[in-house]
Amino acid sequence: MITGTNHLTYTTEGESTRFTMLLENQMPGGGMGKVLDRLLVERMNAQNLEKSLANLKALVEG
């Protein structure tokens, strides 16, 4: 089981809002888990985050 935490921050910058999201996870499996994390999980998280941020922006901006 992958465990982790998410940190979301909203900061006002003039008339805009900066949204920051930090994902931290711990992969089981020792060294092999770390390799899989680097090769697969980080890439999938980055792609999912980009899609989520694009969806959030579309919702907020209309």
C-alpha atoms as a PDB file:
ATOM      1  CA  MET A   1       0.000   0.000   0.000  1.00  0.00           C
ATOM      2  CA  ILE A   2       1.275   3.433  -0.923  1.00  0.00           C
ATOM      3  CA  THR A   3       0.975   5.935   1.913  1.00  0.00           C
ATOM      4  CA  GLY A   4       1.456   9.678   1.782  1.00  0.00           C
ATOM      5  CA  THR A   5       0.257  13.176   2.438  1.00  0.00           C
ATOM      6  CA  ASN A   6      -1.077  16.047   0.348  1.00  0.00           C
ATOM      7  CA  HIS A   7      -0.501  19.714   1.155  1.00  0.00           C
ATOM      8  CA  LEU A   8      -2.696  22.329  -0.541  1.00  0.00           C
ATOM      9  CA  THR A   9      -1.948  26.044  -0.284  1.00  0.00           C
ATOM     10  CA  TYR A  10      -3.880  29.024  -1.655  1.00  0.00           C
ATOM     11  CA  THR A  11      -2.048  32.353  -1.680  1.00  0.00           C
ATOM     12  CA  THR A  12      -3.472  35.699  -2.805  1.00  0.00           C
ATOM     13  CA  GLU A  13      -1.223  37.521  -5.266  1.00  0.00           C
ATOM     14  CA  GLY A  14      -2.785  40.818  -6.252  1.00  0.00           C
ATOM     15  CA  GLU A  15      -6.025  39.955  -8.036  1.00  0.00           C
ATOM     16  CA  SER A  16      -4.922  36.355  -8.599  1.00  0.00           C
ATOM     17  CA  THR A  17      -4.678  33.268  -6.444  1.00  0.00           C
ATOM     18  CA  ARG A  18      -1.717  30.926  -6.521  1.00  0.00           C
ATOM     19  CA  PHE A  19      -2.598  27.287  -5.868  1.00  0.00           C
ATOM     20  CA  THR A  20       0.227  25.024  -4.699  1.00  0.00           C
ATOM     21  CA  MET A  21      -0.053  21.283  -4.198  1.00  0.00           C
ATOM     22  CA  LEU A  22       2.665  19.099  -2.687  1.00  0.00           C
ATOM     23  CA  LEU A  23       2.298  15.325  -2.875  1.00  0.00           C
ATOM     24  CA  GLU A  24       4.552  13.183  -0.718  1.00  0.00           C
ATOM     25  CA  ASN A  25       4.309   9.414  -0.838  1.00  0.00           C
ATOM     26  CA  GLN A  26       6.146   6.441   0.565  1.00  0.00           C
ATOM     27  CA  MET A  27       6.410   3.359  -1.609  1.00  0.00           C
ATOM     28  CA  PRO A  28       6.730  -0.073  -0.015  1.00  0.00           C
ATOM     29  CA  GLY A  29       9.290  -2.523  -1.327  1.00  0.00           C
ATOM     30  CA  GLY A  30      12.606  -1.038  -0.241  1.00  0.00           C
ATOM     31  CA  GLY A  31      14.989  -0.314  -3.111  1.00  0.00           C
ATOM     32  CA  MET A  32      12.688  -1.767  -5.776  1.00  0.00           C
ATOM     33  CA  GLY A  33       9.851   0.440  -4.500  1.00  0.00           C
ATOM     34  CA  LYS A  34      12.079   3.503  -4.826  1.00  0.00           C
ATOM     35  CA  VAL A  35      12.961   2.548  -8.411  1.00  0.00           C
ATOM     36  CA  LEU A  36       9.288   2.062  -9.323  1.00  0.00           C
ATOM     37  CA  ASP A  37       8.448   5.361  -7.652  1.00  0.00           C
ATOM     38  CA  ARG A  38      11.010   7.189  -9.777  1.00  0.00           C
ATOM     39  CA  LEU A  39      10.147   5.440 -13.032  1.00  0.00           C
ATOM     40  CA  LEU A  40       6.359   5.184 -12.834  1.00  0.00           C
ATOM     41  CA  VAL A  41       4.602   6.812  -9.913  1.00  0.00           C
ATOM     42  CA  GLU A  42       6.231  10.252 -10.102  1.00  0.00           C
ATOM     43  CA  ARG A  43       5.502  10.465 -13.842  1.00  0.00           C
ATOM     44  CA  MET A  44       1.873   9.371 -13.389  1.00  0.00           C
ATOM     45  CA  ASN A  45       1.409  11.843 -10.520  1.00  0.00           C
ATOM     46  CA  ALA A  46       2.837  14.677 -12.621  1.00  0.00           C
ATOM     47  CA  GLN A  47       0.516  13.871 -15.544  1.00  0.00           C
ATOM     48  CA  ASN A  48      -2.527  13.585 -13.276  1.00  0.00           C
ATOM     49  CA  LEU A  49      -1.651  16.824 -11.521  1.00  0.00           C
ATOM     50  CA  GLU A  50      -1.340  18.715 -14.821  1.00  0.00           C
ATOM     51  CA  LYS A  51      -4.770  17.448 -15.900  1.00  0.00           C
ATOM     52  CA  SER A  52      -6.292  18.289 -12.508  1.00  0.00           C
ATOM     53  CA  LEU A  53      -4.857  21.802 -12.545  1.00  0.00           C
ATOM     54  CA  ALA A  54      -6.142  22.394 -16.078  1.00  0.00           C
ATOM     55  CA  ASN A  55      -9.613  21.235 -14.995  1.00  0.00           C
ATOM     56  CA  LEU A  56      -9.492  23.431 -11.887  1.00  0.00           C
ATOM     57  CA  LYS A  57      -8.439  26.447 -13.945  1.00  0.00           C
ATOM     58  CA  ALA A  58     -11.281  25.856 -16.428  1.00  0.00           C
ATOM     59  CA  LEU A  59     -13.806  25.637 -13.593  1.00  0.00           C
ATOM     60  CA  VAL A  60     -12.550  28.732 -11.802  1.00  0.00           C
ATOM     61  CA  GLU A  61     -12.094  30.924 -14.884  1.00  0.00           C
ATOM     62  CA  GLY A  62     -15.239  29.734 -16.641  1.00  0.00           C
END
